[in-house]
Amino acid sequence: MEKMYTKPPVADINRGPWSRLSIIAMVSLSTLLLGGYLCMSHFMRCSAALVPELTPLGVPWQGEPVSIPKNVYKTKNIAFLPHEDWLGQELDYQYVLPVAQALNTTEEPLLTRGESHITVITPPEFYTLAEANVTIGEINEIALEFRIQSSKFNLVCVGKESLVVDEQKYVVYQLIADAPNLQRIREAVFRLYVSKGGNPALFDPHVSFVCVRVDATVDCL
């Protein structure tokens, strides 16, 4: 079992589209691309033994740890699921559930979708790619060529992201992960996009982390 710290650290930062892979449950690749809304993020530690003493933002970790089974990394025998307008690496939700349960003891009631995946291409990104006639079928072919379900990843920390809409604050908890093969999939999609005349400035293939959404205070996030 890996230990993951869950209470917010002392600082969070303003973000627009964030460079990360989003595992929705936030082992999702790429950002949640939250339009023009105010977006805040901060990080909590995953593993006391395997990560540095400071967060990726250079501030101390805070909070008590929760555990996640190491079997969460075993994804090669999980079937790849194609989707209409996004790409993800499927995870076994039973191994993410303990984190969702631990986080749901906070003062904010949380909703969970009962599934988890690492988001590699978000719906907003797909719509950008589609402007150059990149199809979801072509993206899925690339994912299968790169054996997406066998992609190795390492959980880095728990992330908490908040979104303010109409003066109402919504919260999403995510698992931040490092996943080199998912990065390579994005790069291959980028090359296809550019080969079809897409504007390279509109799709960034390089992200710092991927993430898995654990749960949120509103399901539409």
C-alpha atoms as a PDB file:
ATOM      1  CA  MET A   1       0.000   0.000   0.000  1.00  0.00           C
ATOM      2  CA  GLU A   2       1.312   3.448  -0.875  1.00  0.00           C
ATOM      3  CA  LYS A   3       0.815   6.391   1.469  1.00  0.00           C
ATOM      4  CA  MET A   4      -0.787   9.545   0.101  1.00  0.00           C
ATOM      5  CA  TYR A   5      -1.153  12.819   1.985  1.00  0.00           C
ATOM      6  CA  THR A   6      -4.545  14.443   1.693  1.00  0.00           C
ATOM      7  CA  LYS A   7      -4.742  17.769   3.510  1.00  0.00           C
ATOM      8  CA  PRO A   8      -4.001  20.935   1.503  1.00  0.00           C
ATOM      9  CA  PRO A   9      -0.525  22.471   1.732  1.00  0.00           C
ATOM     10  CA  VAL A  10       0.015  26.110   2.540  1.00  0.00           C
ATOM     11  CA  ALA A  11      -0.163  27.439  -0.998  1.00  0.00           C
ATOM     12  CA  ASP A  12      -2.179  27.053  -4.129  1.00  0.00           C
ATOM     13  CA  ILE A  13      -1.735  28.684  -7.504  1.00  0.00           C
ATOM     14  CA  ASN A  14      -3.880  30.236 -10.201  1.00  0.00           C
ATOM     15  CA  ARG A  15      -4.036  28.195 -13.363  1.00  0.00           C
ATOM     16  CA  GLY A  16      -5.634  28.290 -16.722  1.00  0.00           C
ATOM     17  CA  PRO A  17      -5.169  25.154 -18.843  1.00  0.00           C
ATOM     18  CA  TRP A  18      -2.673  23.101 -16.855  1.00  0.00           C
ATOM     19  CA  SER A  19       0.153  21.112 -18.383  1.00  0.00           C
ATOM     20  CA  ARG A  20      -0.511  17.615 -17.129  1.00  0.00           C
ATOM     21  CA  LEU A  21      -1.954  14.343 -18.242  1.00  0.00           C
ATOM     22  CA  SER A  22      -5.356  13.817 -16.761  1.00  0.00           C
ATOM     23  CA  ILE A  23      -6.362  10.450 -15.311  1.00  0.00           C
ATOM     24  CA  ILE A  24      -9.985  11.504 -14.821  1.00  0.00           C
ATOM     25  CA  ALA A  25     -10.342  10.597 -11.318  1.00  0.00           C
ATOM     26  CA  MET A  26      -7.232  12.498 -12.106  1.00  0.00           C
ATOM     27  CA  VAL A  27      -5.153   9.764 -13.007  1.00  0.00           C
ATOM     28  CA  SER A  28      -6.315  11.807 -16.135  1.00  0.00           C
ATOM     29  CA  LEU A  29      -3.838  13.052 -18.734  1.00  0.00           C
ATOM     30  CA  SER A  30      -3.896  16.761 -19.521  1.00  0.00           C
ATOM     31  CA  THR A  31      -5.812  19.440 -17.890  1.00  0.00           C
ATOM     32  CA  LEU A  32      -9.464  19.719 -17.157  1.00  0.00           C
ATOM     33  CA  LEU A  33      -9.371  22.784 -19.462  1.00  0.00           C
ATOM     34  CA  LEU A  34     -11.822  24.796 -17.433  1.00  0.00           C
ATOM     35  CA  GLY A  35     -12.630  27.597 -19.835  1.00  0.00           C
ATOM     36  CA  GLY A  36     -11.943  31.081 -18.548  1.00  0.00           C
ATOM     37  CA  TYR A  37     -12.869  30.313 -14.960  1.00  0.00           C
ATOM     38  CA  LEU A  38     -10.625  30.819 -11.970  1.00  0.00           C
ATOM     39  CA  CYS A  39      -8.807  27.578 -11.328  1.00  0.00           C
ATOM     40  CA  MET A  40      -6.774  26.787  -8.204  1.00  0.00           C
ATOM     41  CA  SER A  41      -4.563  23.756  -7.590  1.00  0.00           C
ATOM     42  CA  HIS A  42      -2.434  22.385  -4.817  1.00  0.00           C
ATOM     43  CA  PHE A  43      -0.723  19.116  -4.027  1.00  0.00           C
ATOM     44  CA  MET A  44      -0.591  16.502  -1.281  1.00  0.00           C
ATOM     45  CA  ARG A  45       2.021  13.766  -0.888  1.00  0.00           C
ATOM     46  CA  CYS A  46       1.477  10.225  -2.246  1.00  0.00           C
ATOM     47  CA  SER A  47       4.402   8.271  -0.886  1.00  0.00           C
ATOM     48  CA  ALA A  48       6.527   9.224   2.085  1.00  0.00           C
ATOM     49  CA  ALA A  49       9.305   6.924   0.925  1.00  0.00           C
ATOM     50  CA  LEU A  50       9.479   7.650  -2.788  1.00  0.00           C
ATOM     51  CA  VAL A  51       8.975  11.399  -3.228  1.00  0.00           C
ATOM     52  CA  PRO A  52      10.996  14.486  -2.197  1.00  0.00           C
ATOM     53  CA  GLU A  53      10.340  16.357   1.028  1.00  0.00           C
ATOM     54  CA  LEU A  54       8.796  19.274  -0.870  1.00  0.00           C
ATOM     55  CA  THR A  55       5.786  19.380  -3.204  1.00  0.00           C
ATOM     56  CA  PRO A  56       6.213  20.047  -6.948  1.00  0.00           C
ATOM     57  CA  LEU A  57       5.567  23.696  -6.035  1.00  0.00           C
ATOM     58  CA  GLY A  58       8.436  23.731  -3.544  1.00  0.00           C
ATOM     59  CA  VAL A  59       6.410  23.916  -0.323  1.00  0.00           C
ATOM     60  CA  PRO A  60       6.182  21.328   2.490  1.00  0.00           C
ATOM     61  CA  TRP A  61       3.703  18.455   2.285  1.00  0.00           C
ATOM     62  CA  GLN A  62       0.850  18.604   4.794  1.00  0.00           C
ATOM     63  CA  GLY A  63      -1.844  16.277   6.093  1.00  0.00           C
ATOM     64  CA  GLU A  64      -2.208  12.690   7.192  1.00  0.00           C
ATOM     65  CA  PRO A  65      -1.548   9.921   4.629  1.00  0.00           C
ATOM     66  CA  VAL A  66      -4.127   7.634   3.059  1.00  0.00           C
ATOM     67  CA  SER A  67      -3.284   4.360   1.333  1.00  0.00           C
ATOM     68  CA  ILE A  68      -3.766   3.104  -2.217  1.00  0.00           C
ATOM     69  CA  PRO A  69      -3.136  -0.537  -3.241  1.00  0.00           C
ATOM     70  CA  LYS A  70      -0.193  -1.096  -5.555  1.00  0.00           C
ATOM     71  CA  ASN A  71      -2.477  -3.181  -7.771  1.00  0.00           C
ATOM     72  CA  VAL A  72      -3.713   0.128  -9.178  1.00  0.00           C
ATOM     73  CA  TYR A  73      -0.667  -0.101 -11.468  1.00  0.00           C
ATOM     74  CA  LYS A  74      -1.832  -3.388 -13.004  1.00  0.00           C
ATOM     75  CA  THR A  75      -3.748  -2.210 -16.069  1.00  0.00           C
ATOM     76  CA  LYS A  76      -2.537  -4.319 -19.009  1.00  0.00           C
ATOM     77  CA  ASN A  77      -5.356  -6.861 -18.602  1.00  0.00           C
ATOM     78  CA  ILE A  78      -8.054  -4.167 -18.385  1.00  0.00           C
ATOM     79  CA  ALA A  79      -9.842  -3.677 -21.703  1.00  0.00           C
ATOM     80  CA  PHE A  80      -9.253  -0.448 -23.600  1.00  0.00           C
ATOM     81  CA  LEU A  81     -12.500   1.527 -23.868  1.00  0.00           C
ATOM     82  CA  PRO A  82     -12.971   3.859 -26.850  1.00  0.00           C
ATOM     83  CA  HIS A  83     -14.888   7.063 -26.186  1.00  0.00           C
ATOM     84  CA  GLU A  84     -16.636   9.585 -28.388  1.00  0.00           C
ATOM     85  CA  ASP A  85     -14.440  12.612 -27.771  1.00  0.00           C
ATOM     86  CA  TRP A  86     -11.609  11.769 -25.368  1.00  0.00           C
ATOM     87  CA  LEU A  87      -8.845   9.228 -24.757  1.00  0.00           C
ATOM     88  CA  GLY A  88      -7.891   7.540 -21.507  1.00  0.00           C
ATOM     89  CA  GLN A  89      -6.064   4.628 -19.936  1.00  0.00           C
ATOM     90  CA  GLU A  90      -8.552   2.590 -17.932  1.00  0.00           C
ATOM     91  CA  LEU A  91      -7.854   1.769 -14.276  1.00  0.00           C
ATOM     92  CA  ASP A  92      -9.508  -0.618 -11.830  1.00  0.00           C
ATOM     93  CA  TYR A  93     -11.664   1.645  -9.670  1.00  0.00           C
ATOM     94  CA  GLN A  94     -11.611  -0.688  -6.666  1.00  0.00           C
ATOM     95  CA  TYR A  95      -8.011   0.413  -6.066  1.00  0.00           C
ATOM     96  CA  VAL A  96      -8.852   4.123  -6.302  1.00  0.00           C
ATOM     97  CA  LEU A  97     -11.927   3.781  -4.089  1.00  0.00           C
ATOM     98  CA  PRO A  98      -9.971   3.865  -0.773  1.00  0.00           C
ATOM     99  CA  VAL A  99      -8.687   7.327  -1.663  1.00  0.00           C
ATOM    100  CA  ALA A 100     -12.185   8.504  -2.566  1.00  0.00           C
ATOM    101  CA  GLN A 101     -13.496   7.198   0.751  1.00  0.00           C
ATOM    102  CA  ALA A 102     -10.720   8.895   2.719  1.00  0.00           C
ATOM    103  CA  LEU A 103     -11.249  12.230   0.984  1.00  0.00           C
ATOM    104  CA  ASN A 104     -14.995  12.017   1.455  1.00  0.00           C
ATOM    105  CA  THR A 105     -14.513  12.336   5.207  1.00  0.00           C
ATOM    106  CA  THR A 106     -13.838  16.049   4.663  1.00  0.00           C
ATOM    107  CA  GLU A 107     -16.389  18.803   5.272  1.00  0.00           C
ATOM    108  CA  GLU A 108     -17.210  18.901   1.529  1.00  0.00           C
ATOM    109  CA  PRO A 109     -19.640  16.170   0.316  1.00  0.00           C
ATOM    110  CA  LEU A 110     -18.049  14.533  -2.714  1.00  0.00           C
ATOM    111  CA  LEU A 111     -19.468  12.722  -5.731  1.00  0.00           C
ATOM    112  CA  THR A 112     -17.684   9.869  -7.487  1.00  0.00           C
ATOM    113  CA  ARG A 113     -18.329   8.351 -10.915  1.00  0.00           C
ATOM    114  CA  GLY A 114     -17.498   4.826  -9.777  1.00  0.00           C
ATOM    115  CA  GLU A 115     -14.763   4.487 -12.390  1.00  0.00           C
ATOM    116  CA  SER A 116     -11.267   5.802 -12.932  1.00  0.00           C
ATOM    117  CA  HIS A 117      -8.925   6.349 -15.814  1.00  0.00           C
ATOM    118  CA  ILE A 118      -5.935   8.396 -16.818  1.00  0.00           C
ATOM    119  CA  THR A 119      -7.146  11.021 -19.244  1.00  0.00           C
ATOM    120  CA  VAL A 120      -4.717  11.359 -22.143  1.00  0.00           C
ATOM    121  CA  ILE A 121      -6.732  13.585 -24.500  1.00  0.00           C
ATOM    122  CA  THR A 122      -9.522  15.729 -23.022  1.00  0.00           C
ATOM    123  CA  PRO A 123     -12.755  16.567 -24.892  1.00  0.00           C
ATOM    124  CA  PRO A 124     -11.709  20.223 -25.434  1.00  0.00           C
ATOM    125  CA  GLU A 125      -8.381  19.030 -26.837  1.00  0.00           C
ATOM    126  CA  PHE A 126     -10.151  16.590 -29.129  1.00  0.00           C
ATOM    127  CA  TYR A 127     -12.325  19.368 -30.544  1.00  0.00           C
ATOM    128  CA  THR A 128      -9.136  21.306 -31.321  1.00  0.00           C
ATOM    129  CA  LEU A 129      -7.664  18.242 -33.043  1.00  0.00           C
ATOM    130  CA  ALA A 130     -10.901  17.687 -34.962  1.00  0.00           C
ATOM    131  CA  GLU A 131     -10.541  21.136 -36.531  1.00  0.00           C
ATOM    132  CA  ALA A 132      -7.691  19.555 -38.538  1.00  0.00           C
ATOM    133  CA  ASN A 133      -9.852  16.503 -39.315  1.00  0.00           C
ATOM    134  CA  VAL A 134      -8.136  14.267 -36.767  1.00  0.00           C
ATOM    135  CA  THR A 135     -10.713  11.615 -35.881  1.00  0.00           C
ATOM    136  CA  ILE A 136     -11.213   9.785 -32.607  1.00  0.00           C
ATOM    137  CA  GLY A 137     -10.667   6.562 -34.561  1.00  0.00           C
ATOM    138  CA  GLU A 138      -7.185   7.728 -35.577  1.00  0.00           C
ATOM    139  CA  ILE A 139      -6.414   8.697 -31.983  1.00  0.00           C
ATOM    140  CA  ASN A 140      -7.570   5.285 -30.745  1.00  0.00           C
ATOM    141  CA  GLU A 141      -5.393   3.561 -33.357  1.00  0.00           C
ATOM    142  CA  ILE A 142      -2.372   5.455 -32.053  1.00  0.00           C
ATOM    143  CA  ALA A 143      -3.276   4.529 -28.484  1.00  0.00           C
ATOM    144  CA  LEU A 144      -3.520   0.847 -29.364  1.00  0.00           C
ATOM    145  CA  GLU A 145      -0.278   0.984 -31.343  1.00  0.00           C
ATOM    146  CA  PHE A 146       1.448   2.351 -28.230  1.00  0.00           C
ATOM    147  CA  ARG A 147      -0.302  -0.265 -26.042  1.00  0.00           C
ATOM    148  CA  ILE A 148      -2.000   2.304 -23.857  1.00  0.00           C
ATOM    149  CA  GLN A 149      -3.316  -0.200 -21.324  1.00  0.00           C
ATOM    150  CA  SER A 150       0.222  -1.450 -20.679  1.00  0.00           C
ATOM    151  CA  SER A 151       1.518   2.063 -20.018  1.00  0.00           C
ATOM    152  CA  LYS A 152       3.560   2.342 -16.840  1.00  0.00           C
ATOM    153  CA  PHE A 153       2.848   5.239 -14.513  1.00  0.00           C
ATOM    154  CA  ASN A 154       3.956   6.412 -11.110  1.00  0.00           C
ATOM    155  CA  LEU A 155       1.609   8.163  -8.684  1.00  0.00           C
ATOM    156  CA  VAL A 156       3.254  11.347  -7.451  1.00  0.00           C
ATOM    157  CA  CYS A 157       0.736  12.940  -5.092  1.00  0.00           C
ATOM    158  CA  VAL A 158      -2.887  13.809  -4.453  1.00  0.00           C
ATOM    159  CA  GLY A 159      -4.049  17.028  -6.097  1.00  0.00           C
ATOM    160  CA  LYS A 160      -6.917  19.288  -5.080  1.00  0.00           C
ATOM    161  CA  GLU A 161      -8.230  21.671  -7.708  1.00  0.00           C
ATOM    162  CA  SER A 162     -10.951  24.226  -7.146  1.00  0.00           C
ATOM    163  CA  LEU A 163     -13.047  26.057  -9.708  1.00  0.00           C
ATOM    164  CA  VAL A 164     -15.086  29.201  -9.094  1.00  0.00           C
ATOM    165  CA  VAL A 165     -18.203  29.536 -11.267  1.00  0.00           C
ATOM    166  CA  ASP A 166     -20.728  32.300 -10.594  1.00  0.00           C
ATOM    167  CA  GLU A 167     -19.074  32.883  -7.211  1.00  0.00           C
ATOM    168  CA  GLN A 168     -19.648  29.220  -6.291  1.00  0.00           C
ATOM    169  CA  LYS A 169     -16.559  27.142  -5.461  1.00  0.00           C
ATOM    170  CA  TYR A 170     -16.329  23.552  -6.723  1.00  0.00           C
ATOM    171  CA  VAL A 171     -13.592  21.094  -5.786  1.00  0.00           C
ATOM    172  CA  VAL A 172     -11.996  18.153  -7.638  1.00  0.00           C
ATOM    173  CA  TYR A 173      -9.554  15.722  -6.021  1.00  0.00           C
ATOM    174  CA  GLN A 174      -7.113  13.932  -8.299  1.00  0.00           C
ATOM    175  CA  LEU A 175      -4.161  11.554  -8.246  1.00  0.00           C
ATOM    176  CA  ILE A 176      -1.196  13.096 -10.046  1.00  0.00           C
ATOM    177  CA  ALA A 177       0.893  10.638 -12.036  1.00  0.00           C
ATOM    178  CA  ASP A 178       4.001  10.563 -14.180  1.00  0.00           C
ATOM    179  CA  ALA A 179       3.397   8.452 -17.328  1.00  0.00           C
ATOM    180  CA  PRO A 180       6.057   8.611 -20.075  1.00  0.00           C
ATOM    181  CA  ASN A 181       4.246   6.335 -22.542  1.00  0.00           C
ATOM    182  CA  LEU A 182       1.090   8.425 -22.330  1.00  0.00           C
ATOM    183  CA  GLN A 183       3.274  11.406 -23.135  1.00  0.00           C
ATOM    184  CA  ARG A 184       4.522   9.571 -26.219  1.00  0.00           C
ATOM    185  CA  ILE A 185       0.927   8.933 -27.288  1.00  0.00           C
ATOM    186  CA  ARG A 186       0.223  12.664 -27.082  1.00  0.00           C
ATOM    187  CA  GLU A 187       3.326  13.374 -29.144  1.00  0.00           C
ATOM    188  CA  ALA A 188       2.190  10.922 -31.833  1.00  0.00           C
ATOM    189  CA  VAL A 189      -1.253  12.564 -31.905  1.00  0.00           C
ATOM    190  CA  PHE A 190       0.464  15.940 -32.180  1.00  0.00           C
ATOM    191  CA  ARG A 191       2.464  14.785 -35.209  1.00  0.00           C
ATOM    192  CA  LEU A 192      -0.727  13.554 -36.882  1.00  0.00           C
ATOM    193  CA  TYR A 193      -2.464  16.848 -36.099  1.00  0.00           C
ATOM    194  CA  VAL A 194       0.350  18.932 -37.593  1.00  0.00           C
ATOM    195  CA  SER A 195       0.594  16.656 -40.656  1.00  0.00           C
ATOM    196  CA  LYS A 196      -3.056  17.482 -41.354  1.00  0.00           C
ATOM    197  CA  GLY A 197      -2.418  21.200 -41.206  1.00  0.00           C
ATOM    198  CA  GLY A 198      -3.243  21.778 -37.542  1.00  0.00           C
ATOM    199  CA  ASN A 199      -1.839  24.808 -35.761  1.00  0.00           C
ATOM    200  CA  PRO A 200       0.918  23.470 -33.431  1.00  0.00           C
ATOM    201  CA  ALA A 201       0.346  26.377 -31.066  1.00  0.00           C
ATOM    202  CA  LEU A 202      -3.153  25.112 -30.244  1.00  0.00           C
ATOM    203  CA  PHE A 203      -2.249  21.635 -28.971  1.00  0.00           C
ATOM    204  CA  ASP A 204       0.624  21.129 -26.527  1.00  0.00           C
ATOM    205  CA  PRO A 205       1.796  17.500 -26.542  1.00  0.00           C
ATOM    206  CA  HIS A 206       4.039  18.001 -23.522  1.00  0.00           C
ATOM    207  CA  VAL A 207       2.507  17.888 -20.063  1.00  0.00           C
ATOM    208  CA  SER A 208       4.214  17.634 -16.707  1.00  0.00           C
ATOM    209  CA  PHE A 209       1.854  15.103 -15.152  1.00  0.00           C
ATOM    210  CA  VAL A 210      -1.180  12.999 -15.917  1.00  0.00           C
ATOM    211  CA  CYS A 211      -3.941  12.678 -13.376  1.00  0.00           C
ATOM    212  CA  VAL A 212      -6.863  10.537 -12.200  1.00  0.00           C
ATOM    213  CA  ARG A 213     -10.017  12.238 -10.917  1.00  0.00           C
ATOM    214  CA  VAL A 214     -11.005  10.692  -7.603  1.00  0.00           C
ATOM    215  CA  ASP A 215     -14.157  12.646  -6.750  1.00  0.00           C
ATOM    216  CA  ALA A 216     -15.640  16.118  -6.782  1.00  0.00           C
ATOM    217  CA  THR A 217     -18.255  18.346  -5.180  1.00  0.00           C
ATOM    218  CA  VAL A 218     -20.189  18.512  -8.481  1.00  0.00           C
ATOM    219  CA  ASP A 219     -20.467  15.759 -11.092  1.00  0.00           C
ATOM    220  CA  CYS A 220     -20.254  18.017 -14.170  1.00  0.00           C
ATOM    221  CA  LEU A 221     -16.587  18.682 -13.425  1.00  0.00           C
END
